[in-house]
PDB file of N, CA and C in Angstrom:
ATOM      1  N   UNK A   1       0.850  -1.182   0.000  1.00  0.00           N
ATOM      2  CA  UNK A   1       0.000   0.000   0.000  1.00  0.00           C
ATOM      3  C   UNK A   1       0.896   1.245   0.000  1.00  0.00           C
ATOM      4  N   UNK A   2       0.709   2.141  -0.964  1.00  0.00           N
ATOM      5  CA  UNK A   2       1.509   3.368  -1.015  1.00  0.00           C
ATOM      6  C   UNK A   2       1.271   4.234   0.231  1.00  0.00           C
ATOM      7  N   UNK A   3       2.314   4.952   0.632  1.00  0.00           N
ATOM      8  CA  UNK A   3       2.257   5.799   1.826  1.00  0.00           C
ATOM      9  C   UNK A   3       2.351   7.263   1.422  1.00  0.00           C
ATOM     10  N   UNK A   4       1.506   8.091   2.029  1.00  0.00           N
ATOM     11  CA  UNK A   4       1.576   9.539   1.845  1.00  0.00           C
ATOM     12  C   UNK A   4       1.836  10.142   3.216  1.00  0.00           C
ATOM     13  N   UNK A   5       2.928  10.905   3.334  1.00  0.00           N
ATOM     14  CA  UNK A   5       3.277  11.534   4.605  1.00  0.00           C
ATOM     15  C   UNK A   5       2.824  12.987   4.605  1.00  0.00           C
ATOM     16  N   UNK A   6       2.163  13.371   5.698  1.00  0.00           N
ATOM     17  CA  UNK A   6       1.677  14.739   5.844  1.00  0.00           C
ATOM     18  C   UNK A   6       2.224  15.350   7.125  1.00  0.00           C
ATOM     19  N   UNK A   7       2.470  16.660   7.085  1.00  0.00           N
ATOM     20  CA  UNK A   7       2.874  17.329   8.317  1.00  0.00           C
ATOM     21  C   UNK A   7       1.682  17.394   9.265  1.00  0.00           C
ATOM     22  N   UNK A   8       1.942  17.785  10.483  1.00  0.00           N
ATOM     23  CA  UNK A   8       0.938  17.772  11.538  1.00  0.00           C
ATOM     24  C   UNK A   8      -0.325  18.549  11.184  1.00  0.00           C
ATOM     25  N   UNK A   9      -0.184  19.779  10.723  1.00  0.00           N
ATOM     26  CA  UNK A   9      -1.337  20.626  10.417  1.00  0.00           C
ATOM     27  C   UNK A   9      -2.169  20.036   9.284  1.00  0.00           C
ATOM     28  N   UNK A  10      -1.515  19.610   8.225  1.00  0.00           N
ATOM     29  CA  UNK A  10      -2.256  19.053   7.083  1.00  0.00           C
ATOM     30  C   UNK A  10      -2.907  17.722   7.437  1.00  0.00           C
ATOM     31  N   UNK A  11      -2.262  16.961   8.311  1.00  0.00           N
ATOM     32  CA  UNK A  11      -2.865  15.713   8.763  1.00  0.00           C
ATOM     33  C   UNK A  11      -4.142  16.001   9.547  1.00  0.00           C
ATOM     34  N   UNK A  12      -4.104  17.004  10.427  1.00  0.00           N
ATOM     35  CA  UNK A  12      -5.291  17.385  11.200  1.00  0.00           C
ATOM     36  C   UNK A  12      -6.428  17.813  10.268  1.00  0.00           C
ATOM     37  N   UNK A  13      -6.088  18.599   9.267  1.00  0.00           N
ATOM     38  CA  UNK A  13      -7.105  19.072   8.320  1.00  0.00           C
ATOM     39  C   UNK A  13      -7.628  17.917   7.469  1.00  0.00           C
ATOM     40  N   UNK A  14      -6.724  17.064   6.986  1.00  0.00           N
ATOM     41  CA  UNK A  14      -7.139  15.893   6.207  1.00  0.00           C
ATOM     42  C   UNK A  14      -8.127  15.045   7.003  1.00  0.00           C
ATOM     43  N   UNK A  15      -7.793  14.760   8.251  1.00  0.00           N
ATOM     44  CA  UNK A  15      -8.638  13.901   9.072  1.00  0.00           C
ATOM     45  C   UNK A  15     -10.034  14.490   9.235  1.00  0.00           C
ATOM     46  N   UNK A  16     -10.115  15.783   9.448  1.00  0.00           N
ATOM     47  CA  UNK A  16     -11.413  16.428   9.631  1.00  0.00           C
ATOM     48  C   UNK A  16     -12.191  16.515   8.312  1.00  0.00           C
ATOM     49  N   UNK A  17     -11.496  16.745   7.212  1.00  0.00           N
ATOM     50  CA  UNK A  17     -12.165  16.722   5.905  1.00  0.00           C
ATOM     51  C   UNK A  17     -12.712  15.322   5.635  1.00  0.00           C
ATOM     52  N   UNK A  18     -11.907  14.326   5.956  1.00  0.00           N
ATOM     53  CA  UNK A  18     -12.324  12.938   5.778  1.00  0.00           C
ATOM     54  C   UNK A  18     -13.577  12.632   6.592  1.00  0.00           C
ATOM     55  N   UNK A  19     -13.691  13.250   7.763  1.00  0.00           N
ATOM     56  CA  UNK A  19     -14.869  13.069   8.614  1.00  0.00           C
ATOM     57  C   UNK A  19     -16.093  13.811   8.066  1.00  0.00           C
ATOM     58  N   UNK A  20     -15.890  14.646   7.038  1.00  0.00           N
ATOM     59  CA  UNK A  20     -17.000  15.362   6.427  1.00  0.00           C
ATOM     60  C   UNK A  20     -17.264  16.732   7.039  1.00  0.00           C
ATOM     61  N   UNK A  21     -16.317  17.238   7.808  1.00  0.00           N
ATOM     62  CA  UNK A  21     -16.504  18.541   8.442  1.00  0.00           C
ATOM     63  C   UNK A  21     -16.288  19.667   7.443  1.00  0.00           C
ATOM     64  N   UNK A  22     -16.977  20.779   7.671  1.00  0.00           N
ATOM     65  CA  UNK A  22     -16.840  21.946   6.805  1.00  0.00           C
ATOM     66  C   UNK A  22     -15.576  22.712   7.174  1.00  0.00           C
ATOM     67  N   UNK A  23     -15.165  23.612   6.286  1.00  0.00           N
ATOM     68  CA  UNK A  23     -13.999  24.447   6.573  1.00  0.00           C
ATOM     69  C   UNK A  23     -14.216  25.243   7.862  1.00  0.00           C
ATOM     70  N   UNK A  24     -15.420  25.736   8.028  1.00  0.00           N
ATOM     71  CA  UNK A  24     -15.740  26.530   9.222  1.00  0.00           C
ATOM     72  C   UNK A  24     -15.610  25.682  10.498  1.00  0.00           C
ATOM     73  N   UNK A  25     -16.130  24.460  10.467  1.00  0.00           N
ATOM     74  CA  UNK A  25     -16.027  23.570  11.620  1.00  0.00           C
ATOM     75  C   UNK A  25     -14.567  23.247  11.938  1.00  0.00           C
ATOM     76  N   UNK A  26     -13.791  23.005  10.890  1.00  0.00           N
ATOM     77  CA  UNK A  26     -12.371  22.700  11.080  1.00  0.00           C
ATOM     78  C   UNK A  26     -11.665  23.890  11.720  1.00  0.00           C
ATOM     79  N   UNK A  27     -11.932  25.078  11.202  1.00  0.00           N
ATOM     80  CA  UNK A  27     -11.330  26.288  11.752  1.00  0.00           C
ATOM     81  C   UNK A  27     -11.667  26.476  13.219  1.00  0.00           C
ATOM     82  N   UNK A  28     -12.915  26.235  13.571  1.00  0.00           N
ATOM     83  CA  UNK A  28     -13.341  26.378  14.965  1.00  0.00           C
ATOM     84  C   UNK A  28     -12.657  25.341  15.855  1.00  0.00           C
ATOM     85  N   UNK A  29     -12.595  24.104  15.402  1.00  0.00           N
ATOM     86  CA  UNK A  29     -11.968  23.049  16.197  1.00  0.00           C
ATOM     87  C   UNK A  29     -10.475  23.290  16.405  1.00  0.00           C
ATOM     88  N   UNK A  30      -9.808  23.750  15.345  1.00  0.00           N
ATOM     89  CA  UNK A  30      -8.357  23.948  15.424  1.00  0.00           C
ATOM     90  C   UNK A  30      -7.985  25.371  15.857  1.00  0.00           C
ATOM     91  N   UNK A  31      -9.020  26.191  16.047  1.00  0.00           N
ATOM     92  CA  UNK A  31      -8.815  27.591  16.443  1.00  0.00           C
ATOM     93  C   UNK A  31      -7.920  28.325  15.441  1.00  0.00           C
ATOM     94  N   UNK A  32      -8.302  28.174  14.155  1.00  0.00           N
ATOM     95  CA  UNK A  32      -7.564  28.794  13.053  1.00  0.00           C
ATOM     96  C   UNK A  32      -8.518  29.615  12.194  1.00  0.00           C
ATOM     97  N   UNK A  33      -8.019  30.717  11.610  1.00  0.00           N
ATOM     98  CA  UNK A  33      -8.868  31.514  10.719  1.00  0.00           C
ATOM     99  C   UNK A  33      -9.161  30.766   9.417  1.00  0.00           C
ATOM    100  N   UNK A  34     -10.250  31.165   8.774  1.00  0.00           N
ATOM    101  CA  UNK A  34     -10.688  30.513   7.547  1.00  0.00           C
ATOM    102  C   UNK A  34      -9.645  30.484   6.446  1.00  0.00           C
ATOM    103  N   UNK A  35      -8.880  31.579   6.303  1.00  0.00           N
ATOM    104  CA  UNK A  35      -7.892  31.604   5.214  1.00  0.00           C
ATOM    105  C   UNK A  35      -6.788  30.572   5.435  1.00  0.00           C
ATOM    106  N   UNK A  36      -6.483  30.260   6.693  1.00  0.00           N
ATOM    107  CA  UNK A  36      -5.474  29.241   6.976  1.00  0.00           C
ATOM    108  C   UNK A  36      -5.987  27.866   6.567  1.00  0.00           C
ATOM    109  N   UNK A  37      -7.246  27.592   6.852  1.00  0.00           N
ATOM    110  CA  UNK A  37      -7.843  26.318   6.454  1.00  0.00           C
ATOM    111  C   UNK A  37      -7.888  26.220   4.934  1.00  0.00           C
ATOM    112  N   UNK A  38      -8.323  27.294   4.278  1.00  0.00           N
ATOM    113  CA  UNK A  38      -8.418  27.314   2.818  1.00  0.00           C
ATOM    114  C   UNK A  38      -7.057  27.068   2.180  1.00  0.00           C
ATOM    115  N   UNK A  39      -6.021  27.747   2.676  1.00  0.00           N
ATOM    116  CA  UNK A  39      -4.674  27.592   2.128  1.00  0.00           C
ATOM    117  C   UNK A  39      -4.170  26.157   2.319  1.00  0.00           C
ATOM    118  N   UNK A  40      -4.283  25.657   3.541  1.00  0.00           N
ATOM    119  CA  UNK A  40      -3.781  24.311   3.814  1.00  0.00           C
ATOM    120  C   UNK A  40      -4.573  23.243   3.070  1.00  0.00           C
ATOM    121  N   UNK A  41      -5.870  23.465   2.903  1.00  0.00           N
ATOM    122  CA  UNK A  41      -6.686  22.518   2.140  1.00  0.00           C
ATOM    123  C   UNK A  41      -6.231  22.493   0.676  1.00  0.00           C
ATOM    124  N   UNK A  42      -5.956  23.659   0.111  1.00  0.00           N
ATOM    125  CA  UNK A  42      -5.482  23.725  -1.280  1.00  0.00           C
ATOM    126  C   UNK A  42      -4.140  23.003  -1.426  1.00  0.00           C
ATOM    127  N   UNK A  43      -3.244  23.214  -0.479  1.00  0.00           N
ATOM    128  CA  UNK A  43      -1.945  22.539  -0.520  1.00  0.00           C
ATOM    129  C   UNK A  43      -2.106  21.023  -0.347  1.00  0.00           C
ATOM    130  N   UNK A  44      -3.004  20.636   0.537  1.00  0.00           N
ATOM    131  CA  UNK A  44      -3.282  19.230   0.780  1.00  0.00           C
ATOM    132  C   UNK A  44      -3.839  18.561  -0.479  1.00  0.00           C
ATOM    133  N   UNK A  45      -4.788  19.217  -1.137  1.00  0.00           N
ATOM    134  CA  UNK A  45      -5.357  18.665  -2.363  1.00  0.00           C
ATOM    135  C   UNK A  45      -4.286  18.526  -3.449  1.00  0.00           C
ATOM    136  N   UNK A  46      -3.372  19.466  -3.490  1.00  0.00           N
ATOM    137  CA  UNK A  46      -2.269  19.411  -4.460  1.00  0.00           C
ATOM    138  C   UNK A  46      -1.364  18.205  -4.165  1.00  0.00           C
ATOM    139  N   UNK A  47      -1.007  18.024  -2.887  1.00  0.00           N
ATOM    140  CA  UNK A  47      -0.166  16.898  -2.472  1.00  0.00           C
ATOM    141  C   UNK A  47      -0.847  15.570  -2.797  1.00  0.00           C
ATOM    142  N   UNK A  48      -2.143  15.499  -2.515  1.00  0.00           N
ATOM    143  CA  UNK A  48      -2.890  14.253  -2.692  1.00  0.00           C
ATOM    144  C   UNK A  48      -3.411  14.063  -4.115  1.00  0.00           C
ATOM    145  N   UNK A  49      -3.261  15.097  -4.936  1.00  0.00           N
ATOM    146  CA  UNK A  49      -3.720  15.059  -6.321  1.00  0.00           C
ATOM    147  C   UNK A  49      -5.225  14.787  -6.416  1.00  0.00           C
ATOM    148  N   UNK A  50      -5.991  15.536  -5.621  1.00  0.00           N
ATOM    149  CA  UNK A  50      -7.452  15.469  -5.686  1.00  0.00           C
ATOM    150  C   UNK A  50      -7.995  16.861  -5.982  1.00  0.00           C
ATOM    151  N   UNK A  51      -9.207  16.902  -6.479  1.00  0.00           N
ATOM    152  CA  UNK A  51      -9.821  18.183  -6.825  1.00  0.00           C
ATOM    153  C   UNK A  51     -10.966  18.560  -5.883  1.00  0.00           C
ATOM    154  N   UNK A  52     -11.556  17.557  -5.228  1.00  0.00           N
ATOM    155  CA  UNK A  52     -12.658  17.853  -4.316  1.00  0.00           C
ATOM    156  C   UNK A  52     -12.641  16.888  -3.130  1.00  0.00           C
ATOM    157  N   UNK A  53     -13.260  17.323  -2.063  1.00  0.00           N
ATOM    158  CA  UNK A  53     -13.225  16.546  -0.822  1.00  0.00           C
ATOM    159  C   UNK A  53     -13.921  15.198  -0.943  1.00  0.00           C
ATOM    160  N   UNK A  54     -14.821  15.048  -1.884  1.00  0.00           N
ATOM    161  CA  UNK A  54     -15.522  13.770  -2.072  1.00  0.00           C
ATOM    162  C   UNK A  54     -14.560  12.649  -2.474  1.00  0.00           C
ATOM    163  N   UNK A  55     -13.393  13.001  -2.973  1.00  0.00           N
ATOM    164  CA  UNK A  55     -12.403  12.003  -3.383  1.00  0.00           C
ATOM    165  C   UNK A  55     -11.585  11.465  -2.204  1.00  0.00           C
ATOM    166  N   UNK A  56     -11.651  12.125  -1.054  1.00  0.00           N
ATOM    167  CA  UNK A  56     -10.795  11.755   0.082  1.00  0.00           C
ATOM    168  C   UNK A  56     -11.056  10.354   0.637  1.00  0.00           C
ATOM    169  N   UNK A  57     -12.316   9.930   0.836  1.00  0.00           N
ATOM    170  CA  UNK A  57     -12.509   8.578   1.373  1.00  0.00           C
ATOM    171  C   UNK A  57     -11.896   7.485   0.494  1.00  0.00           C
ATOM    172  N   UNK A  58     -12.060   7.600  -0.818  1.00  0.00           N
ATOM    173  CA  UNK A  58     -11.477   6.621  -1.728  1.00  0.00           C
ATOM    174  C   UNK A  58      -9.960   6.642  -1.646  1.00  0.00           C
ATOM    175  N   UNK A  59      -9.397   7.833  -1.596  1.00  0.00           N
ATOM    176  CA  UNK A  59      -7.949   7.976  -1.488  1.00  0.00           C
ATOM    177  C   UNK A  59      -7.453   7.341  -0.191  1.00  0.00           C
ATOM    178  N   UNK A  60      -8.151   7.580   0.898  1.00  0.00           N
ATOM    179  CA  UNK A  60      -7.747   7.035   2.201  1.00  0.00           C
ATOM    180  C   UNK A  60      -7.788   5.506   2.210  1.00  0.00           C
ATOM    181  N   UNK A  61      -8.710   4.921   1.445  1.00  0.00           N
ATOM    182  CA  UNK A  61      -8.777   3.457   1.373  1.00  0.00           C
ATOM    183  C   UNK A  61      -7.621   2.880   0.559  1.00  0.00           C
ATOM    184  N   UNK A  62      -7.141   3.624  -0.423  1.00  0.00           N
ATOM    185  CA  UNK A  62      -6.113   3.107  -1.324  1.00  0.00           C
ATOM    186  C   UNK A  62      -4.683   3.455  -0.922  1.00  0.00           C
ATOM    187  N   UNK A  63      -4.547   4.419  -0.021  1.00  0.00           N
ATOM    188  CA  UNK A  63      -3.233   4.849   0.420  1.00  0.00           C
ATOM    189  C   UNK A  63      -3.173   4.826   1.935  1.00  0.00           C
ATOM    190  N   UNK A  64      -1.977   4.701   2.455  1.00  0.00           N
ATOM    191  CA  UNK A  64      -1.782   4.837   3.892  1.00  0.00           C
ATOM    192  C   UNK A  64      -1.359   6.279   4.131  1.00  0.00           C
ATOM    193  N   UNK A  65      -2.207   7.037   4.825  1.00  0.00           N
ATOM    194  CA  UNK A  65      -1.921   8.436   5.128  1.00  0.00           C
ATOM    195  C   UNK A  65      -1.311   8.469   6.525  1.00  0.00           C
ATOM    196  N   UNK A  66      -0.084   8.957   6.638  1.00  0.00           N
ATOM    197  CA  UNK A  66       0.592   8.945   7.930  1.00  0.00           C
ATOM    198  C   UNK A  66       1.084  10.333   8.301  1.00  0.00           C
ATOM    199  N   UNK A  67       1.247  10.520   9.584  1.00  0.00           N
ATOM    200  CA  UNK A  67       1.793  11.757  10.125  1.00  0.00           C
ATOM    201  C   UNK A  67       3.296  11.723   9.988  1.00  0.00           C
ATOM    202  N   UNK A  68       3.857  12.702   9.306  1.00  0.00           N
ATOM    203  CA  UNK A  68       5.300  12.768   9.078  1.00  0.00           C
ATOM    204  C   UNK A  68       5.921  13.711  10.099  1.00  0.00           C
ATOM    205  N   UNK A  69       6.338  13.147  11.224  1.00  0.00           N
ATOM    206  CA  UNK A  69       6.989  13.980  12.233  1.00  0.00           C
ATOM    207  C   UNK A  69       8.062  13.154  12.924  1.00  0.00           C
ATOM    208  N   UNK A  70       9.114  13.827  13.371  1.00  0.00           N
ATOM    209  CA  UNK A  70      10.185  13.108  14.042  1.00  0.00           C
ATOM    210  C   UNK A  70       9.730  12.619  15.416  1.00  0.00           C
ATOM    211  N   UNK A  71      10.241  11.484  15.810  1.00  0.00           N
ATOM    212  CA  UNK A  71       9.941  10.925  17.126  1.00  0.00           C
ATOM    213  C   UNK A  71      11.068  11.331  18.072  1.00  0.00           C
ATOM    214  N   UNK A  72      10.688  11.743  19.248  1.00  0.00           N
ATOM    215  CA  UNK A  72      11.733  12.082  20.207  1.00  0.00           C
ATOM    216  C   UNK A  72      11.501  13.365  20.787  1.00  0.00           C
TER     217      UNK A  72
END
């Protein structure tokens, strides 16, 4: 299974998008302004090569999405 590594912030956003949450809900949960969510979502979609959030569940089934952070 192919692996996609995401930084902490993008992983948090990916997980919430995968859960079906809106940008506004994500912003409220992470205590971030809307433009930060919009920017990170655009970067995330570019990394994952998707165009809309409806593609995320299928992508998650076909790839292993992991948090890319150093341990220690």
